[in-house]
Amino acid sequence: MKVNFSFICESNITTVGGTESVVHYLTFHPLFYLLNPHLCVEFACSLSACISEAHGSCPVLECWFMKEKVSGGLSGGPNQDKSLLYVHKHADSHRAESHDAPLEVNPDRLYFVTDPAATLCHRSLNPRRGSSNKPMCEINPLHPQPSTLELAVPLTEPALSPIYLHADWLSTALQSFDKTMSISAITRAPTGTKEHDVILTLTTKTVLVQSRLGAPVLLDCSFWADPSSPLTGTGFAVEWRYQFRGDGRLVLAYDGKSDRLSHTGEEGATLDFEALHGRGNASLILQEAKVHHSGIYICSVYLPYLQAQVAMELQVVEPPSLSIHPSPLPLTAQGQTINIQCEASGFAPLSLDLHWEFKGADGNTKVLGSGSLSSHRQLWDGTYTQSSRLELDTADLGRAGEVACVGVHPGGTRRVSVEINLIGFSSPSIEDSMAMVGVALVLYGLIKLVSWSFSGSGNNKTSLHFPLWLLWCDHESFNVYEIRQRTSFVSSLTLFRIRRGSYATKGKMKHTWNL
């Protein structure tokens, strides 16, 4: 009898117009499951999560309920209570289960939340048992009111009955235990009850984004609105704002009710309008990342009387380009000082650690310090440049090695090196000694030639006997020629060859000519 492991997972694909339920049937052969359990888990988005979704259960969220501050007096710290959120996809699940409040939690701070979109059931909000990393959750009381933002004013219709607003509203902000996702949820409960319904959720999966200079950037932001709520029938509005070191500006504003882009304060910033209306995808698209794009971006979604927002950070990171001057380095005598300069250009942000290193012929590396650093200069594209000047004392260095300039930057570590060669480091080598011997022979021959020429110029009958030494050499050997002239008109040419200190006679030729 053949038995397969089958699992059924139900998930919701949510749009602005409603929610569509999709059922996934996952079937595994038992042998395949035993041999590859991790593949089954990965394919099924984890077996436990699949079973949990099939039963409509979600993790219990531990939150802090922030009390409203009473006016007057000095505040002595945050006034908050520990609370629990029991989240389910279906309202019937709350009635089928009974929950006892832990001793440390006030029973008034137990909330039963129905989330048809299962946004609050995401696996990143459910850490492993025993893990110290837990999601962050904060609950604040909310009082719906018409927005004063020009973009959202048309959403509030005068004929809309405010009776629906007479209820207990909560605004919940959550961040996943791995800091990769943030959620803002607005819930509503009839006055005096603890059973809340999710009316609006706003989610981002790009809490922190790093991008290279000039690359396209996508800042994720998606929302879900309860189609059964009377607040979702009059449209929505989306706004993107930018903040950096106290400076803020409007990046983009879109009126979903009239389907128009009311403001664009950043060149190259846009939305995917088809995905916005079809799936609630309000992600911001930057065509080309620039240095001034680094900062905090806030995505806000407006419904009549309601507003939810999430924040994310964009870091435009570009590593430096390094160069050394002069390159190559000139030959330097041992003990002299060399001035070397390293220039780092085209990097962002400002944080850069420039230092020097020397790697000797033996392979050992020595840190030489940061040298004399210049101040930062900003280029036309917003990137920065900085230089370091090093006075290198060659007294403690070997005969040869490599000097490197190293730049440590958030975008990566860069290094550039140049070789250094020192002269006069040790005693003369064999080749140097041979060269000095050859020079001495030439000087000796010239001196003898001059002296004998002057001494024999007064008497032609006197025998003339003087040597003339000619020298020719290469890197392997030295060739010495001796030319002797006598009155017998016989000239002899003797060739000697010295190779690394040896002395040998290569040959001898005789010629006779008339003076």
Protein backbone atom coordinates (compact mmCIF):
# COMPACT_ATOMS: atom_id res chain seq x y z
CA MET A 1 0.00 0.00 0.00
CA LYS A 2 1.41 3.31 -1.07
CA VAL A 3 1.05 6.21 1.39
CA ASN A 4 1.93 9.83 0.66
CA PHE A 5 2.29 12.77 3.04
CA SER A 6 -0.20 15.43 1.96
CA PHE A 7 -0.67 18.90 3.40
CA ILE A 8 -3.18 21.57 2.59
CA CYS A 9 -2.30 25.24 2.95
CA GLU A 10 -4.72 28.06 2.46
CA SER A 11 -3.47 31.58 1.77
CA ASN A 12 -5.13 34.82 0.82
CA ILE A 13 -4.25 37.04 -2.12
CA THR A 14 -5.48 40.43 -1.06
CA THR A 15 -6.40 43.31 -3.33
CA VAL A 16 -7.93 46.68 -2.74
CA GLY A 17 -11.23 45.35 -3.99
CA GLY A 18 -11.30 42.23 -1.83
CA THR A 19 -9.63 38.98 -0.80
CA GLU A 20 -9.23 35.84 -2.87
CA SER A 21 -8.58 32.52 -1.15
CA VAL A 22 -6.08 30.13 -2.73
CA VAL A 23 -5.60 26.54 -1.54
CA HIS A 24 -2.24 24.76 -2.07
CA TYR A 25 -2.12 20.95 -2.03
CA LEU A 26 1.36 19.68 -1.14
CA THR A 27 2.01 15.95 -1.53
CA PHE A 28 5.32 14.23 -0.74
CA HIS A 29 6.37 10.62 -1.12
CA PRO A 30 7.33 9.23 2.33
CA LEU A 31 10.81 8.20 1.18
CA PHE A 32 11.42 11.65 -0.31
CA TYR A 33 10.22 13.27 2.88
CA LEU A 34 12.52 11.15 5.05
CA LEU A 35 15.56 11.79 2.87
CA ASN A 36 14.88 15.47 2.16
CA PRO A 37 12.82 16.95 4.98
CA HIS A 38 14.44 20.39 4.59
CA LEU A 39 13.35 20.56 0.94
CA CYS A 40 9.78 19.73 1.90
CA VAL A 41 9.85 22.39 4.59
CA GLU A 42 11.32 24.98 2.25
CA PHE A 43 8.88 24.19 -0.52
CA ALA A 44 5.88 24.31 1.82
CA CYS A 45 7.01 27.52 3.57
CA SER A 46 7.70 25.34 6.65
CA LEU A 47 5.51 22.48 7.69
CA SER A 48 4.53 24.03 11.00
CA ALA A 49 3.50 27.30 9.37
CA CYS A 50 1.45 25.36 6.83
CA ILE A 51 -0.43 23.43 9.49
CA SER A 52 -0.86 26.61 11.52
CA GLU A 53 -2.40 28.45 8.57
CA ALA A 54 -4.66 25.51 7.79
CA HIS A 55 -6.11 25.80 11.29
CA GLY A 56 -6.33 29.57 11.10
CA SER A 57 -4.01 30.18 14.09
CA CYS A 58 -1.26 32.79 14.41
CA PRO A 59 1.45 33.47 16.98
CA VAL A 60 0.53 35.30 20.16
CA LEU A 61 2.13 38.75 20.04
CA GLU A 62 3.58 40.31 23.18
CA CYS A 63 3.16 44.08 23.03
CA TRP A 64 3.44 47.18 25.15
CA PHE A 65 0.31 49.26 25.50
CA MET A 66 1.28 52.93 25.68
CA LYS A 67 -1.09 54.86 27.93
CA GLU A 68 -2.08 58.40 27.13
CA LYS A 69 -0.17 60.92 29.18
CA VAL A 70 -2.11 63.05 31.60
CA SER A 71 -1.53 66.76 31.08
CA GLY A 72 0.41 68.59 33.78
CA GLY A 73 3.26 67.49 35.99
CA LEU A 74 6.57 65.95 35.12
CA SER A 75 6.57 62.64 33.31
CA GLY A 76 8.63 59.98 35.06
CA GLY A 77 9.22 57.72 32.08
CA PRO A 78 6.92 55.83 29.73
CA ASN A 79 3.54 54.80 31.10
CA GLN A 80 2.98 51.39 29.57
CA ASP A 81 1.36 48.04 30.28
CA LYS A 82 2.25 44.63 28.98
CA SER A 83 -0.44 43.23 26.70
CA LEU A 84 -1.10 40.23 24.48
CA LEU A 85 -2.59 40.04 20.99
CA TYR A 86 -4.32 36.79 20.05
CA VAL A 87 -4.49 36.98 16.27
CA HIS A 88 -6.65 34.74 14.07
CA LYS A 89 -7.69 34.78 10.47
CA HIS A 90 -11.32 33.97 11.28
CA ALA A 91 -13.52 35.50 13.96
CA ASP A 92 -14.98 32.10 14.88
CA SER A 93 -11.60 30.97 16.19
CA HIS A 94 -11.79 33.41 19.11
CA ARG A 95 -15.10 32.04 20.30
CA ALA A 96 -13.86 28.45 20.03
CA GLU A 97 -10.86 29.06 22.29
CA SER A 98 -10.56 30.31 25.84
CA HIS A 99 -7.52 32.25 26.94
CA ASP A 100 -6.35 32.74 30.49
CA ALA A 101 -4.33 35.85 31.15
CA PRO A 102 -0.81 35.29 32.52
CA LEU A 103 -0.16 36.65 35.98
CA GLU A 104 2.00 39.51 34.71
CA VAL A 105 -0.62 40.68 32.18
CA ASN A 106 -3.70 42.69 33.10
CA PRO A 107 -6.84 40.95 31.76
CA ASP A 108 -7.93 44.30 30.33
CA ARG A 109 -4.85 44.18 28.08
CA LEU A 110 -5.84 40.98 26.28
CA TYR A 111 -6.98 41.67 22.72
CA PHE A 112 -8.46 39.25 20.21
CA VAL A 113 -7.70 40.39 16.67
CA THR A 114 -9.23 39.06 13.47
CA ASP A 115 -6.91 39.56 10.49
CA PRO A 116 -8.38 38.13 7.26
CA ALA A 117 -5.26 39.07 5.29
CA ALA A 118 -3.03 37.23 7.81
CA THR A 119 -0.54 40.10 7.78
CA LEU A 120 0.00 39.73 11.52
CA CYS A 121 0.53 35.98 11.06
CA HIS A 122 3.78 36.40 9.15
CA ARG A 123 6.45 33.89 10.14
CA SER A 124 8.94 36.70 10.89
CA LEU A 125 6.70 37.61 13.85
CA ASN A 126 6.97 34.09 15.25
CA PRO A 127 10.51 33.40 16.51
CA ARG A 128 11.73 29.96 17.42
CA ARG A 129 10.93 28.75 20.90
CA GLY A 130 13.63 29.80 23.34
CA SER A 131 15.07 32.47 21.03
CA SER A 132 16.13 35.75 22.63
CA ASN A 133 15.22 37.69 19.47
CA LYS A 134 11.58 38.63 19.63
CA PRO A 135 9.48 40.98 17.54
CA MET A 136 8.88 44.50 18.82
CA CYS A 137 5.28 45.55 19.28
CA GLU A 138 3.74 48.77 20.53
CA ILE A 139 0.04 49.63 20.85
CA ASN A 140 -1.35 53.15 21.01
CA PRO A 141 -4.97 54.27 21.37
CA LEU A 142 -6.27 55.98 18.23
CA HIS A 143 -8.90 58.66 17.72
CA PRO A 144 -9.97 58.83 14.06
CA GLN A 145 -10.35 62.31 12.69
CA PRO A 146 -10.46 63.99 9.27
CA SER A 147 -7.04 64.61 7.76
CA THR A 148 -5.90 68.18 7.20
CA LEU A 149 -3.57 67.11 4.42
CA GLU A 150 -4.69 68.66 1.16
CA LEU A 151 -4.20 65.36 -0.60
CA ALA A 152 -6.51 63.44 1.78
CA VAL A 153 -9.21 66.06 2.35
CA PRO A 154 -11.34 64.91 -0.62
CA LEU A 155 -11.52 61.41 0.88
CA THR A 156 -13.77 62.58 3.70
CA GLU A 157 -17.33 62.98 2.47
CA PRO A 158 -19.67 65.21 4.50
CA ALA A 159 -22.49 62.69 4.11
CA LEU A 160 -20.47 59.88 5.72
CA SER A 161 -22.06 58.85 9.01
CA PRO A 162 -19.65 59.12 11.95
CA ILE A 163 -21.46 56.34 13.85
CA TYR A 164 -18.94 53.80 12.54
CA LEU A 165 -16.18 55.82 14.14
CA HIS A 166 -17.72 55.55 17.61
CA ALA A 167 -15.70 52.52 18.69
CA ASP A 168 -12.40 51.54 20.33
CA TRP A 169 -9.55 52.06 17.87
CA LEU A 170 -5.96 50.90 18.26
CA SER A 171 -2.84 51.60 16.24
CA THR A 172 -0.22 48.84 16.46
CA ALA A 173 3.36 49.12 15.24
CA LEU A 174 5.38 45.91 14.84
CA GLN A 175 8.87 44.97 13.69
CA SER A 176 9.97 41.41 12.97
CA PHE A 177 12.51 39.69 15.21
CA ASP A 178 15.10 39.79 12.39
CA LYS A 179 14.52 43.53 11.77
CA THR A 180 13.61 42.94 8.12
CA MET A 181 9.91 43.83 8.19
CA SER A 182 7.77 46.56 9.74
CA ILE A 183 3.98 46.58 10.02
CA SER A 184 1.51 49.27 10.98
CA ALA A 185 -2.01 48.03 11.75
CA ILE A 186 -5.22 49.89 12.64
CA THR A 187 -7.90 47.84 14.37
CA ARG A 188 -11.46 48.56 15.49
CA ALA A 189 -13.60 47.00 18.21
CA PRO A 190 -17.13 47.84 19.35
CA THR A 191 -17.06 50.02 22.41
CA GLY A 192 -16.40 48.04 25.56
CA THR A 193 -15.21 44.85 23.84
CA LYS A 194 -11.80 43.36 23.17
CA GLU A 195 -12.53 41.71 19.83
CA HIS A 196 -10.83 43.82 17.18
CA ASP A 197 -11.04 43.69 13.42
CA VAL A 198 -8.12 44.79 11.27
CA ILE A 199 -9.23 47.73 9.12
CA LEU A 200 -5.91 48.80 7.57
CA THR A 201 -2.40 47.31 7.49
CA LEU A 202 0.72 48.82 5.99
CA THR A 203 3.82 46.69 5.49
CA THR A 204 7.40 47.17 4.33
CA LYS A 205 10.02 44.46 3.79
CA THR A 206 12.84 46.92 3.12
CA VAL A 207 13.51 48.32 6.59
CA LEU A 208 17.13 48.96 5.63
CA VAL A 209 18.29 49.19 2.01
CA GLN A 210 21.85 49.66 0.77
CA SER A 211 22.45 50.62 -2.84
CA ARG A 212 25.42 51.48 -5.02
CA LEU A 213 25.60 54.86 -6.67
CA GLY A 214 23.61 54.98 -9.91
CA ALA A 215 21.70 51.73 -9.31
CA PRO A 216 17.86 51.56 -9.33
CA VAL A 217 16.21 51.36 -5.89
CA LEU A 218 12.90 49.84 -4.78
CA LEU A 219 11.48 50.86 -1.39
CA ASP A 220 8.76 48.36 -0.52
CA CYS A 221 5.41 49.53 0.84
CA SER A 222 2.11 47.64 0.50
CA PHE A 223 -1.24 48.06 2.21
CA TRP A 224 -4.47 46.13 2.76
CA ALA A 225 -7.84 47.63 3.60
CA ASP A 226 -10.90 45.75 4.82
CA PRO A 227 -13.34 45.77 1.88
CA SER A 228 -16.29 45.45 4.27
CA SER A 229 -15.45 48.70 6.05
CA PRO A 230 -17.38 51.83 4.95
CA LEU A 231 -14.08 53.74 5.05
CA THR A 232 -12.65 51.90 2.04
CA GLY A 233 -15.29 52.86 -0.48
CA THR A 234 -14.25 56.46 -1.10
CA GLY A 235 -10.67 55.89 -2.23
CA PHE A 236 -7.21 56.25 -0.74
CA ALA A 237 -4.12 58.45 -0.95
CA VAL A 238 -0.40 57.68 -0.81
CA GLU A 239 2.39 60.00 0.29
CA TRP A 240 6.15 59.50 0.41
CA ARG A 241 8.28 61.85 2.51
CA TYR A 242 12.03 62.09 3.06
CA GLN A 243 13.90 63.01 6.25
CA PHE A 244 17.59 63.38 6.93
CA ARG A 245 19.22 65.14 9.91
CA GLY A 246 16.20 67.29 10.58
CA ASP A 247 15.65 68.19 6.96
CA GLY A 248 12.48 66.90 5.31
CA ARG A 249 10.76 67.15 1.95
CA LEU A 250 7.86 65.69 0.05
CA VAL A 251 9.01 63.11 -2.49
CA LEU A 252 5.75 62.02 -4.08
CA ALA A 253 2.01 62.28 -3.47
CA TYR A 254 -0.72 60.31 -5.24
CA ASP A 255 -4.50 60.78 -5.08
CA GLY A 256 -6.07 57.36 -5.58
CA LYS A 257 -9.58 58.74 -5.66
CA SER A 258 -8.98 60.90 -8.73
CA ASP A 259 -6.11 58.74 -10.03
CA ARG A 260 -3.61 61.56 -10.38
CA LEU A 261 -0.07 62.25 -9.24
CA SER A 262 -0.52 65.48 -7.35
CA HIS A 263 3.11 66.16 -6.50
CA THR A 264 6.54 64.92 -7.53
CA GLY A 265 9.38 66.53 -5.64
CA GLU A 266 12.11 64.13 -6.72
CA GLU A 267 13.29 63.55 -10.25
CA GLY A 268 13.18 59.88 -11.21
CA ALA A 269 10.74 58.88 -8.41
CA THR A 270 7.61 57.00 -9.46
CA LEU A 271 5.07 54.32 -8.51
CA ASP A 272 3.77 51.21 -10.24
CA PHE A 273 0.18 52.45 -10.60
CA GLU A 274 -1.17 49.16 -11.96
CA ALA A 275 0.22 47.26 -8.96
CA LEU A 276 -0.99 50.02 -6.65
CA HIS A 277 -4.64 49.63 -7.65
CA GLY A 278 -4.44 45.88 -8.21
CA ARG A 279 -2.53 44.65 -5.16
CA GLY A 280 -2.12 47.69 -2.93
CA ASN A 281 1.57 47.93 -3.84
CA ALA A 282 2.63 51.52 -3.10
CA SER A 283 6.38 50.89 -3.39
CA LEU A 284 8.56 53.84 -4.37
CA ILE A 285 10.86 53.40 -7.35
CA LEU A 286 14.00 55.53 -7.71
CA GLN A 287 15.43 55.20 -11.20
CA GLU A 288 18.99 56.10 -10.21
CA ALA A 289 20.39 56.26 -6.69
CA LYS A 290 22.24 59.46 -5.81
CA VAL A 291 24.12 60.54 -2.71
CA HIS A 292 21.38 62.92 -1.57
CA HIS A 293 18.89 60.03 -1.59
CA SER A 294 20.40 58.61 1.61
CA GLY A 295 18.05 59.06 4.54
CA ILE A 296 14.73 58.00 6.08
CA TYR A 297 11.70 57.47 3.84
CA ILE A 298 8.17 57.44 5.28
CA CYS A 299 5.36 55.76 3.38
CA SER A 300 1.89 56.97 4.46
CA VAL A 301 -1.48 55.63 3.31
CA TYR A 302 -4.66 57.61 3.97
CA LEU A 303 -8.22 56.42 4.24
CA PRO A 304 -11.08 58.64 5.39
CA TYR A 305 -10.30 59.48 9.04
CA LEU A 306 -7.40 56.99 9.14
CA GLN A 307 -3.68 57.12 8.47
CA ALA A 308 -0.99 54.44 8.69
CA GLN A 309 2.72 54.86 8.02
CA VAL A 310 5.94 52.89 8.01
CA ALA A 311 9.53 54.14 7.86
CA MET A 312 12.58 52.71 6.16
CA GLU A 313 16.19 53.76 5.66
CA LEU A 314 18.10 54.02 2.40
CA GLN A 315 21.89 54.09 2.41
CA VAL A 316 23.66 54.94 -0.83
CA VAL A 317 27.12 53.43 -0.39
CA GLU A 318 29.98 53.86 -2.85
CA PRO A 319 33.51 52.60 -2.00
CA PRO A 320 36.53 54.81 -2.72
CA SER A 321 38.85 54.72 -5.69
CA LEU A 322 42.50 54.84 -4.52
CA SER A 323 45.64 56.09 -6.29
CA ILE A 324 49.27 56.61 -5.13
CA HIS A 325 51.57 59.42 -6.27
CA PRO A 326 54.31 59.18 -7.44
CA SER A 327 54.00 55.83 -9.10
CA PRO A 328 56.39 54.11 -9.60
CA LEU A 329 58.57 55.31 -6.75
CA PRO A 330 62.08 56.55 -7.63
CA LEU A 331 65.20 54.67 -6.51
CA THR A 332 66.08 55.79 -3.01
CA ALA A 333 69.20 55.39 -0.94
CA GLN A 334 68.95 53.60 2.38
CA GLY A 335 68.08 56.01 5.19
CA GLN A 336 66.46 58.68 3.03
CA THR A 337 62.83 59.83 3.48
CA ILE A 338 60.24 59.32 0.76
CA ASN A 339 57.12 61.49 0.45
CA ILE A 340 54.14 59.46 -0.80
CA GLN A 341 50.55 60.61 -1.25
CA CYS A 342 47.39 58.48 -1.47
CA GLU A 343 44.16 59.98 -2.80
CA ALA A 344 40.74 58.42 -2.16
CA SER A 345 37.97 59.79 -4.36
CA GLY A 346 34.35 59.15 -5.28
CA PHE A 347 33.19 57.60 -2.01
CA ALA A 348 30.06 58.00 0.09
CA PRO A 349 29.23 58.24 2.97
CA LEU A 350 31.99 60.16 4.76
CA SER A 351 33.21 57.38 7.05
CA LEU A 352 36.59 56.25 5.67
CA ASP A 353 39.68 54.84 7.40
CA LEU A 354 42.85 55.50 5.40
CA HIS A 355 46.10 53.93 6.55
CA TRP A 356 49.45 52.72 5.16
CA GLU A 357 51.08 49.31 5.24
CA PHE A 358 54.54 48.01 4.25
CA LYS A 359 55.08 44.44 3.13
CA GLY A 360 58.72 43.38 3.08
CA ALA A 361 60.45 40.85 0.88
CA ASP A 362 60.04 38.28 3.66
CA GLY A 363 56.25 38.59 3.47
CA ASN A 364 55.77 40.30 6.84
CA THR A 365 53.37 43.27 6.95
CA LYS A 366 53.97 46.38 9.05
CA VAL A 367 51.30 49.03 9.71
CA LEU A 368 52.71 52.51 9.12
CA GLY A 369 49.77 54.53 10.43
CA SER A 370 47.35 56.91 8.74
CA GLY A 371 49.89 59.58 7.79
CA SER A 372 48.80 63.20 7.48
CA LEU A 373 45.10 63.29 6.50
CA SER A 374 43.46 66.13 4.63
CA SER A 375 39.92 67.38 5.15
CA HIS A 376 37.02 65.99 3.11
CA ARG A 377 36.09 67.71 -0.13
CA GLN A 378 32.73 67.17 -1.82
CA LEU A 379 32.61 66.61 -5.57
CA TRP A 380 29.92 67.64 -8.03
CA ASP A 381 28.03 64.33 -7.73
CA GLY A 382 27.89 64.47 -3.94
CA THR A 383 30.71 61.98 -3.35
CA TYR A 384 33.77 62.88 -1.32
CA THR A 385 37.54 62.86 -1.69
CA GLN A 386 40.31 62.71 0.90
CA SER A 387 44.08 62.31 0.74
CA SER A 388 46.81 61.05 3.05
CA ARG A 389 50.48 62.10 2.92
CA LEU A 390 53.13 59.77 4.30
CA GLU A 391 56.78 60.62 5.07
CA LEU A 392 58.36 57.18 4.86
CA ASP A 393 61.69 56.72 6.65
CA THR A 394 63.61 53.96 4.86
CA ALA A 395 66.12 53.40 7.65
CA ASP A 396 64.16 50.54 9.19
CA LEU A 397 62.97 48.98 5.93
CA GLY A 398 64.53 46.12 4.02
CA ARG A 399 66.18 46.38 0.65
CA ALA A 400 62.87 45.95 -1.24
CA GLY A 401 59.18 45.70 -0.49
CA GLU A 402 55.72 47.03 -1.20
CA VAL A 403 54.01 50.11 0.20
CA ALA A 404 50.19 49.91 0.22
CA CYS A 405 47.45 52.45 0.87
CA VAL A 406 44.36 50.80 2.42
CA GLY A 407 40.90 52.35 2.60
CA VAL A 408 38.31 50.74 4.91
CA HIS A 409 34.79 51.90 3.99
CA PRO A 410 31.21 50.66 4.61
CA GLY A 411 31.08 49.86 0.89
CA GLY A 412 34.12 47.61 1.11
CA THR A 413 37.88 47.65 1.65
CA ARG A 414 40.08 48.93 -1.16
CA ARG A 415 43.89 48.90 -1.44
CA VAL A 416 46.52 50.05 -3.93
CA SER A 417 50.25 49.34 -3.70
CA VAL A 418 53.55 50.37 -5.25
CA GLU A 419 56.96 48.70 -5.10
CA ILE A 420 59.93 50.33 -3.35
CA ASN A 421 63.61 49.58 -4.11
CA LEU A 422 66.49 50.83 -1.99
CA ILE A 423 70.16 51.17 -3.01
CA GLY A 424 73.28 51.17 -0.84
CA PHE A 425 71.79 48.75 1.61
CA SER A 426 74.70 46.20 1.93
CA SER A 427 78.44 45.70 1.12
CA PRO A 428 79.51 45.58 -2.58
CA SER A 429 78.52 42.41 -4.40
CA ILE A 430 80.75 40.30 -6.65
CA GLU A 431 79.52 42.13 -9.73
CA ASP A 432 80.29 45.49 -8.10
CA SER A 433 83.80 44.31 -7.22
CA MET A 434 84.43 43.12 -10.79
CA ALA A 435 83.30 46.46 -12.15
CA MET A 436 85.68 48.33 -9.86
CA VAL A 437 88.57 46.09 -10.96
CA GLY A 438 87.78 46.79 -14.60
CA VAL A 439 87.74 50.53 -14.01
CA ALA A 440 91.06 50.31 -12.18
CA LEU A 441 92.63 48.49 -15.12
CA VAL A 442 91.45 51.13 -17.58
CA LEU A 443 92.81 53.96 -15.45
CA TYR A 444 96.13 52.15 -15.03
CA GLY A 445 96.50 51.63 -18.76
CA LEU A 446 95.72 55.25 -19.57
CA ILE A 447 98.25 56.50 -17.03
CA LYS A 448 101.02 54.20 -18.40
CA LEU A 449 100.22 55.22 -21.97
CA VAL A 450 100.55 58.91 -21.24
CA SER A 451 103.72 58.53 -19.20
CA TRP A 452 105.49 56.41 -21.80
CA SER A 453 104.43 58.63 -24.63
CA PHE A 454 106.04 61.69 -23.07
CA SER A 455 109.20 59.86 -21.98
CA GLY A 456 109.87 58.42 -25.46
CA SER A 457 109.08 61.47 -27.59
CA GLY A 458 112.72 62.81 -27.48
CA ASN A 459 114.48 59.68 -28.76
CA ASN A 460 112.99 57.77 -31.64
CA LYS A 461 115.50 54.95 -31.28
CA THR A 462 114.51 54.24 -27.80
CA SER A 463 112.41 51.21 -27.53
CA LEU A 464 108.86 52.05 -26.85
CA HIS A 465 106.99 49.68 -24.71
CA PHE A 466 103.67 50.80 -23.35
CA PRO A 467 100.45 48.96 -22.79
CA LEU A 468 97.01 50.15 -23.71
CA TRP A 469 94.21 48.50 -21.85
CA LEU A 470 90.77 48.45 -23.35
CA LEU A 471 87.77 47.27 -21.36
CA TRP A 472 84.51 45.76 -22.49
CA CYS A 473 82.09 44.11 -20.11
CA ASP A 474 78.56 42.81 -19.67
CA HIS A 475 76.64 41.47 -16.69
CA GLU A 476 78.29 38.03 -16.99
CA SER A 477 81.96 38.77 -17.66
CA PHE A 478 84.69 41.29 -18.36
CA ASN A 479 86.93 41.25 -21.48
CA VAL A 480 90.31 42.96 -21.17
CA TYR A 481 92.41 43.78 -24.24
CA GLU A 482 96.13 44.66 -23.96
CA ILE A 483 97.82 46.32 -26.92
CA ARG A 484 101.59 46.51 -26.74
CA GLN A 485 103.73 48.42 -29.23
CA ARG A 486 107.47 47.98 -29.68
CA THR A 487 110.11 49.37 -32.06
CA SER A 488 110.27 46.00 -33.72
CA PHE A 489 106.96 46.98 -35.29
CA VAL A 490 105.37 43.94 -33.77
CA SER A 491 102.09 44.46 -32.00
CA SER A 492 100.51 41.74 -30.01
CA LEU A 493 96.86 41.62 -28.95
CA THR A 494 96.08 39.57 -25.90
CA LEU A 495 92.50 38.94 -24.81
CA PHE A 496 91.77 38.08 -21.24
CA ARG A 497 88.38 37.10 -19.80
CA ILE A 498 87.38 37.43 -16.18
CA ARG A 499 84.25 35.62 -15.08
CA ARG A 500 83.23 36.10 -11.46
CA GLY A 501 86.77 36.48 -10.22
CA SER A 502 88.46 33.92 -12.54
CA TYR A 503 91.17 34.87 -15.02
CA ALA A 504 91.74 33.04 -18.29
CA THR A 505 93.54 33.67 -21.61
CA LYS A 506 91.21 33.40 -24.56
CA GLY A 507 93.73 33.83 -27.40
CA LYS A 508 96.65 35.76 -28.89
CA MET A 509 97.12 37.35 -32.27
CA LYS A 510 100.19 39.10 -33.79
CA HIS A 511 100.22 41.80 -36.42
CA THR A 512 103.12 43.68 -38.04
CA TRP A 513 102.90 47.08 -39.56
CA ASN A 514 105.22 50.03 -40.33
CA LEU A 515 105.24 53.07 -38.06
